[in-house]
């Protein structure tokens, strides 16, 4: 499946739990680390998501169950 820009959208079962390799939570990660995490997990981050909070909102929305 792809988003409107043609980026792949990972299947819910393919998304890894949000935890940094060293055991840090996502809130402890820097903006660069969050962007790197998203890229490694094929999670598109909109260009307008420039703040840490905005990026965390995108990442956590991927984890929330789709009902």
PDB file of N, CA and C in Angstrom:
ATOM      1  N   UNK A   1       0.842  -1.161   0.000  1.00  0.00           N
ATOM      2  CA  UNK A   1       0.000   0.000   0.000  1.00  0.00           C
ATOM      3  C   UNK A   1       0.896   1.234   0.000  1.00  0.00           C
ATOM      4  N   UNK A   2       0.414   2.315  -0.644  1.00  0.00           N
ATOM      5  CA  UNK A   2       1.177   3.547  -0.730  1.00  0.00           C
ATOM      6  C   UNK A   2       0.323   4.729  -0.315  1.00  0.00           C
ATOM      7  N   UNK A   3       1.002   5.782   0.171  1.00  0.00           N
ATOM      8  CA  UNK A   3       0.268   6.996   0.504  1.00  0.00           C
ATOM      9  C   UNK A   3       0.064   7.820  -0.760  1.00  0.00           C
ATOM     10  N   UNK A   4      -0.505   9.001  -0.632  1.00  0.00           N
ATOM     11  CA  UNK A   4      -0.827   9.822  -1.798  1.00  0.00           C
ATOM     12  C   UNK A   4       0.403  10.299  -2.551  1.00  0.00           C
ATOM     13  N   UNK A   5       1.578  10.257  -1.906  1.00  0.00           N
ATOM     14  CA  UNK A   5       2.818  10.659  -2.565  1.00  0.00           C
ATOM     15  C   UNK A   5       3.585   9.474  -3.139  1.00  0.00           C
ATOM     16  N   UNK A   6       3.022   8.281  -3.007  1.00  0.00           N
ATOM     17  CA  UNK A   6       3.670   7.094  -3.533  1.00  0.00           C
ATOM     18  C   UNK A   6       4.637   6.430  -2.568  1.00  0.00           C
ATOM     19  N   UNK A   7       4.703   6.909  -1.323  1.00  0.00           N
ATOM     20  CA  UNK A   7       5.567   6.285  -0.324  1.00  0.00           C
ATOM     21  C   UNK A   7       4.907   5.012   0.190  1.00  0.00           C
ATOM     22  N   UNK A   8       5.701   3.978   0.432  1.00  0.00           N
ATOM     23  CA  UNK A   8       5.108   2.751   0.970  1.00  0.00           C
ATOM     24  C   UNK A   8       4.585   2.963   2.388  1.00  0.00           C
ATOM     25  N   UNK A   9       3.456   2.371   2.686  1.00  0.00           N
ATOM     26  CA  UNK A   9       2.897   2.399   4.030  1.00  0.00           C
ATOM     27  C   UNK A   9       3.062   1.002   4.599  1.00  0.00           C
ATOM     28  N   UNK A  10       3.830   0.871   5.703  1.00  0.00           N
ATOM     29  CA  UNK A  10       4.065  -0.467   6.244  1.00  0.00           C
ATOM     30  C   UNK A  10       2.786  -1.065   6.826  1.00  0.00           C
ATOM     31  N   UNK A  11       2.637  -2.364   6.652  1.00  0.00           N
ATOM     32  CA  UNK A  11       1.510  -3.065   7.246  1.00  0.00           C
ATOM     33  C   UNK A  11       1.653  -2.982   8.759  1.00  0.00           C
ATOM     34  N   UNK A  12       0.524  -2.961   9.469  1.00  0.00           N
ATOM     35  CA  UNK A  12       0.545  -2.806  10.929  1.00  0.00           C
ATOM     36  C   UNK A  12       1.457  -3.839  11.596  1.00  0.00           C
ATOM     37  N   UNK A  13       1.441  -5.076  11.106  1.00  0.00           N
ATOM     38  CA  UNK A  13       2.264  -6.113  11.724  1.00  0.00           C
ATOM     39  C   UNK A  13       3.755  -5.929  11.433  1.00  0.00           C
ATOM     40  N   UNK A  14       4.099  -5.102  10.421  1.00  0.00           N
ATOM     41  CA  UNK A  14       5.497  -4.858  10.082  1.00  0.00           C
ATOM     42  C   UNK A  14       6.123  -3.738  10.900  1.00  0.00           C
ATOM     43  N   UNK A  15       5.319  -2.958  11.597  1.00  0.00           N
ATOM     44  CA  UNK A  15       5.829  -1.818  12.351  1.00  0.00           C
ATOM     45  C   UNK A  15       6.427  -2.309  13.661  1.00  0.00           C
ATOM     46  N   UNK A  16       7.666  -1.911  13.891  1.00  0.00           N
ATOM     47  CA  UNK A  16       8.377  -2.324  15.098  1.00  0.00           C
ATOM     48  C   UNK A  16       7.975  -1.442  16.276  1.00  0.00           C
ATOM     49  N   UNK A  17       8.062  -1.956  17.490  1.00  0.00           N
ATOM     50  CA  UNK A  17       7.778  -1.128  18.667  1.00  0.00           C
ATOM     51  C   UNK A  17       8.709   0.081  18.693  1.00  0.00           C
ATOM     52  N   UNK A  18       8.182   1.192  19.157  1.00  0.00           N
ATOM     53  CA  UNK A  18       8.962   2.414  19.179  1.00  0.00           C
ATOM     54  C   UNK A  18       9.896   2.433  20.374  1.00  0.00           C
ATOM     55  N   UNK A  19      11.120   1.993  20.142  1.00  0.00           N
ATOM     56  CA  UNK A  19      12.141   2.056  21.180  1.00  0.00           C
ATOM     57  C   UNK A  19      13.489   2.171  20.492  1.00  0.00           C
ATOM     58  N   UNK A  20      14.275   3.099  20.944  1.00  0.00           N
ATOM     59  CA  UNK A  20      15.601   3.321  20.398  1.00  0.00           C
ATOM     60  C   UNK A  20      16.473   2.121  20.735  1.00  0.00           C
ATOM     61  N   UNK A  21      17.477   1.871  19.911  1.00  0.00           N
ATOM     62  CA  UNK A  21      18.345   0.706  20.102  1.00  0.00           C
ATOM     63  C   UNK A  21      18.946   0.626  21.499  1.00  0.00           C
ATOM     64  N   UNK A  22      19.265   1.757  22.097  1.00  0.00           N
ATOM     65  CA  UNK A  22      19.877   1.749  23.421  1.00  0.00           C
ATOM     66  C   UNK A  22      18.834   1.689  24.529  1.00  0.00           C
ATOM     67  N   UNK A  23      17.570   1.432  24.200  1.00  0.00           N
ATOM     68  CA  UNK A  23      16.541   1.319  25.211  1.00  0.00           C
ATOM     69  C   UNK A  23      15.863   2.637  25.565  1.00  0.00           C
ATOM     70  N   UNK A  24      16.215   3.702  24.866  1.00  0.00           N
ATOM     71  CA  UNK A  24      15.599   4.993  25.124  1.00  0.00           C
ATOM     72  C   UNK A  24      14.189   5.027  24.523  1.00  0.00           C
ATOM     73  N   UNK A  25      13.310   5.788  25.138  1.00  0.00           N
ATOM     74  CA  UNK A  25      11.993   5.963  24.547  1.00  0.00           C
ATOM     75  C   UNK A  25      12.100   6.986  23.429  1.00  0.00           C
ATOM     76  N   UNK A  26      11.078   7.069  22.612  1.00  0.00           N
ATOM     77  CA  UNK A  26      11.106   8.013  21.496  1.00  0.00           C
ATOM     78  C   UNK A  26      11.176   9.454  21.983  1.00  0.00           C
ATOM     79  N   UNK A  27      10.602   9.735  23.148  1.00  0.00           N
ATOM     80  CA  UNK A  27      10.639  11.094  23.677  1.00  0.00           C
ATOM     81  C   UNK A  27      12.061  11.537  24.000  1.00  0.00           C
ATOM     82  N   UNK A  28      12.968  10.582  24.208  1.00  0.00           N
ATOM     83  CA  UNK A  28      14.362  10.894  24.510  1.00  0.00           C
ATOM     84  C   UNK A  28      15.211  11.064  23.253  1.00  0.00           C
ATOM     85  N   UNK A  29      14.634  10.749  22.093  1.00  0.00           N
ATOM     86  CA  UNK A  29      15.372  10.833  20.843  1.00  0.00           C
ATOM     87  C   UNK A  29      15.367  12.262  20.311  1.00  0.00           C
ATOM     88  N   UNK A  30      16.401  12.612  19.551  1.00  0.00           N
ATOM     89  CA  UNK A  30      16.462  13.923  18.907  1.00  0.00           C
ATOM     90  C   UNK A  30      15.621  13.900  17.632  1.00  0.00           C
ATOM     91  N   UNK A  31      15.383  15.074  17.058  1.00  0.00           N
ATOM     92  CA  UNK A  31      14.630  15.159  15.805  1.00  0.00           C
ATOM     93  C   UNK A  31      15.329  14.338  14.726  1.00  0.00           C
ATOM     94  N   UNK A  32      16.654  14.439  14.643  1.00  0.00           N
ATOM     95  CA  UNK A  32      17.398  13.667  13.642  1.00  0.00           C
ATOM     96  C   UNK A  32      17.218  12.171  13.865  1.00  0.00           C
ATOM     97  N   UNK A  33      17.299  11.735  15.121  1.00  0.00           N
ATOM     98  CA  UNK A  33      17.119  10.314  15.425  1.00  0.00           C
ATOM     99  C   UNK A  33      15.705   9.856  15.071  1.00  0.00           C
ATOM    100  N   UNK A  34      14.710  10.697  15.338  1.00  0.00           N
ATOM    101  CA  UNK A  34      13.331  10.349  14.999  1.00  0.00           C
ATOM    102  C   UNK A  34      13.167  10.219  13.488  1.00  0.00           C
ATOM    103  N   UNK A  35      13.744  11.159  12.741  1.00  0.00           N
ATOM    104  CA  UNK A  35      13.672  11.093  11.270  1.00  0.00           C
ATOM    105  C   UNK A  35      14.401   9.849  10.747  1.00  0.00           C
ATOM    106  N   UNK A  36      15.564   9.534  11.331  1.00  0.00           N
ATOM    107  CA  UNK A  36      16.307   8.337  10.931  1.00  0.00           C
ATOM    108  C   UNK A  36      15.498   7.082  11.231  1.00  0.00           C
ATOM    109  N   UNK A  37      14.844   7.056  12.384  1.00  0.00           N
ATOM    110  CA  UNK A  37      14.004   5.927  12.769  1.00  0.00           C
ATOM    111  C   UNK A  37      12.869   5.751  11.762  1.00  0.00           C
ATOM    112  N   UNK A  38      12.212   6.862  11.431  1.00  0.00           N
ATOM    113  CA  UNK A  38      11.107   6.804  10.473  1.00  0.00           C
ATOM    114  C   UNK A  38      11.589   6.290   9.120  1.00  0.00           C
ATOM    115  N   UNK A  39      12.725   6.785   8.681  1.00  0.00           N
ATOM    116  CA  UNK A  39      13.275   6.346   7.389  1.00  0.00           C
ATOM    117  C   UNK A  39      13.596   4.851   7.411  1.00  0.00           C
ATOM    118  N   UNK A  40      14.196   4.389   8.499  1.00  0.00           N
ATOM    119  CA  UNK A  40      14.559   2.971   8.617  1.00  0.00           C
ATOM    120  C   UNK A  40      13.335   2.064   8.629  1.00  0.00           C
ATOM    121  N   UNK A  41      12.180   2.595   9.069  1.00  0.00           N
ATOM    122  CA  UNK A  41      10.956   1.810   9.154  1.00  0.00           C
ATOM    123  C   UNK A  41       9.943   2.171   8.067  1.00  0.00           C
ATOM    124  N   UNK A  42      10.422   2.887   7.027  1.00  0.00           N
ATOM    125  CA  UNK A  42       9.599   3.261   5.873  1.00  0.00           C
ATOM    126  C   UNK A  42       8.333   4.013   6.285  1.00  0.00           C
ATOM    127  N   UNK A  43       8.483   4.916   7.254  1.00  0.00           N
ATOM    128  CA  UNK A  43       7.368   5.730   7.708  1.00  0.00           C
ATOM    129  C   UNK A  43       7.595   7.136   7.162  1.00  0.00           C
ATOM    130  N   UNK A  44       6.755   7.570   6.233  1.00  0.00           N
ATOM    131  CA  UNK A  44       6.957   8.908   5.665  1.00  0.00           C
ATOM    132  C   UNK A  44       6.623   9.996   6.679  1.00  0.00           C
ATOM    133  N   UNK A  45       7.514  10.968   6.795  1.00  0.00           N
ATOM    134  CA  UNK A  45       7.305  12.130   7.651  1.00  0.00           C
ATOM    135  C   UNK A  45       7.056  13.320   6.727  1.00  0.00           C
ATOM    136  N   UNK A  46       5.889  13.953   6.836  1.00  0.00           N
ATOM    137  CA  UNK A  46       5.611  15.108   5.984  1.00  0.00           C
ATOM    138  C   UNK A  46       6.636  16.225   6.205  1.00  0.00           C
ATOM    139  N   UNK A  47       6.950  16.961   5.158  1.00  0.00           N
ATOM    140  CA  UNK A  47       7.914  18.052   5.262  1.00  0.00           C
ATOM    141  C   UNK A  47       7.463  19.104   6.270  1.00  0.00           C
ATOM    142  N   UNK A  48       6.152  19.256   6.438  1.00  0.00           N
ATOM    143  CA  UNK A  48       5.655  20.264   7.380  1.00  0.00           C
ATOM    144  C   UNK A  48       5.817  19.824   8.843  1.00  0.00           C
ATOM    145  N   UNK A  49       6.158  18.567   9.084  1.00  0.00           N
ATOM    146  CA  UNK A  49       6.402  18.082  10.449  1.00  0.00           C
ATOM    147  C   UNK A  49       7.860  18.366  10.777  1.00  0.00           C
ATOM    148  N   UNK A  50       8.109  19.565  11.332  1.00  0.00           N
ATOM    149  CA  UNK A  50       9.487  19.973  11.603  1.00  0.00           C
ATOM    150  C   UNK A  50       9.841  19.925  13.081  1.00  0.00           C
ATOM    151  N   UNK A  51       8.853  19.967  13.950  1.00  0.00           N
ATOM    152  CA  UNK A  51       9.145  19.935  15.387  1.00  0.00           C
ATOM    153  C   UNK A  51       9.159  18.492  15.887  1.00  0.00           C
ATOM    154  N   UNK A  52       9.794  18.290  17.011  1.00  0.00           N
ATOM    155  CA  UNK A  52       9.851  16.970  17.624  1.00  0.00           C
ATOM    156  C   UNK A  52       8.447  16.451  17.910  1.00  0.00           C
ATOM    157  N   UNK A  53       7.583  17.322  18.447  1.00  0.00           N
ATOM    158  CA  UNK A  53       6.214  16.924  18.755  1.00  0.00           C
ATOM    159  C   UNK A  53       5.464  16.497  17.494  1.00  0.00           C
ATOM    160  N   UNK A  54       5.618  17.236  16.416  1.00  0.00           N
ATOM    161  CA  UNK A  54       4.928  16.904  15.173  1.00  0.00           C
ATOM    162  C   UNK A  54       5.399  15.551  14.632  1.00  0.00           C
ATOM    163  N   UNK A  55       6.691  15.297  14.711  1.00  0.00           N
ATOM    164  CA  UNK A  55       7.232  14.021  14.229  1.00  0.00           C
ATOM    165  C   UNK A  55       6.748  12.881  15.123  1.00  0.00           C
ATOM    166  N   UNK A  56       6.754  13.093  16.442  1.00  0.00           N
ATOM    167  CA  UNK A  56       6.246  12.071  17.363  1.00  0.00           C
ATOM    168  C   UNK A  56       4.769  11.786  17.092  1.00  0.00           C
ATOM    169  N   UNK A  57       3.987  12.822  16.790  1.00  0.00           N
ATOM    170  CA  UNK A  57       2.567  12.630  16.468  1.00  0.00           C
ATOM    171  C   UNK A  57       2.398  11.734  15.247  1.00  0.00           C
ATOM    172  N   UNK A  58       3.227  11.954  14.228  1.00  0.00           N
ATOM    173  CA  UNK A  58       3.162  11.117  13.016  1.00  0.00           C
ATOM    174  C   UNK A  58       3.538   9.678  13.358  1.00  0.00           C
ATOM    175  N   UNK A  59       4.622   9.508  14.087  1.00  0.00           N
ATOM    176  CA  UNK A  59       5.090   8.170  14.411  1.00  0.00           C
ATOM    177  C   UNK A  59       4.115   7.416  15.295  1.00  0.00           C
ATOM    178  N   UNK A  60       3.534   8.068  16.275  1.00  0.00           N
ATOM    179  CA  UNK A  60       2.598   7.378  17.151  1.00  0.00           C
ATOM    180  C   UNK A  60       1.271   7.099  16.453  1.00  0.00           C
ATOM    181  N   UNK A  61       0.917   7.920  15.467  1.00  0.00           N
ATOM    182  CA  UNK A  61      -0.322   7.644  14.725  1.00  0.00           C
ATOM    183  C   UNK A  61      -0.204   6.364  13.901  1.00  0.00           C
ATOM    184  N   UNK A  62       1.009   6.029  13.499  1.00  0.00           N
ATOM    185  CA  UNK A  62       1.244   4.784  12.761  1.00  0.00           C
ATOM    186  C   UNK A  62       1.008   3.589  13.677  1.00  0.00           C
ATOM    187  N   UNK A  63       1.347   3.728  14.961  1.00  0.00           N
ATOM    188  CA  UNK A  63       1.226   2.642  15.929  1.00  0.00           C
ATOM    189  C   UNK A  63      -0.191   2.439  16.432  1.00  0.00           C
ATOM    190  N   UNK A  64      -1.044   3.478  16.379  1.00  0.00           N
ATOM    191  CA  UNK A  64      -2.398   3.356  16.909  1.00  0.00           C
ATOM    192  C   UNK A  64      -3.200   2.406  16.040  1.00  0.00           C
ATOM    193  N   UNK A  65      -3.993   1.529  16.634  1.00  0.00           N
ATOM    194  CA  UNK A  65      -4.789   0.583  15.848  1.00  0.00           C
ATOM    195  C   UNK A  65      -5.796   1.314  14.968  1.00  0.00           C
ATOM    196  N   UNK A  66      -5.898   0.854  13.751  1.00  0.00           N
ATOM    197  CA  UNK A  66      -6.850   1.421  12.796  1.00  0.00           C
ATOM    198  C   UNK A  66      -8.182   0.716  12.966  1.00  0.00           C
ATOM    199  N   UNK A  67      -9.224   1.429  13.374  1.00  0.00           N
ATOM    200  CA  UNK A  67     -10.543   0.812  13.574  1.00  0.00           C
ATOM    201  C   UNK A  67     -11.510   1.283  12.538  1.00  0.00           C
TER     202      UNK A  67
END
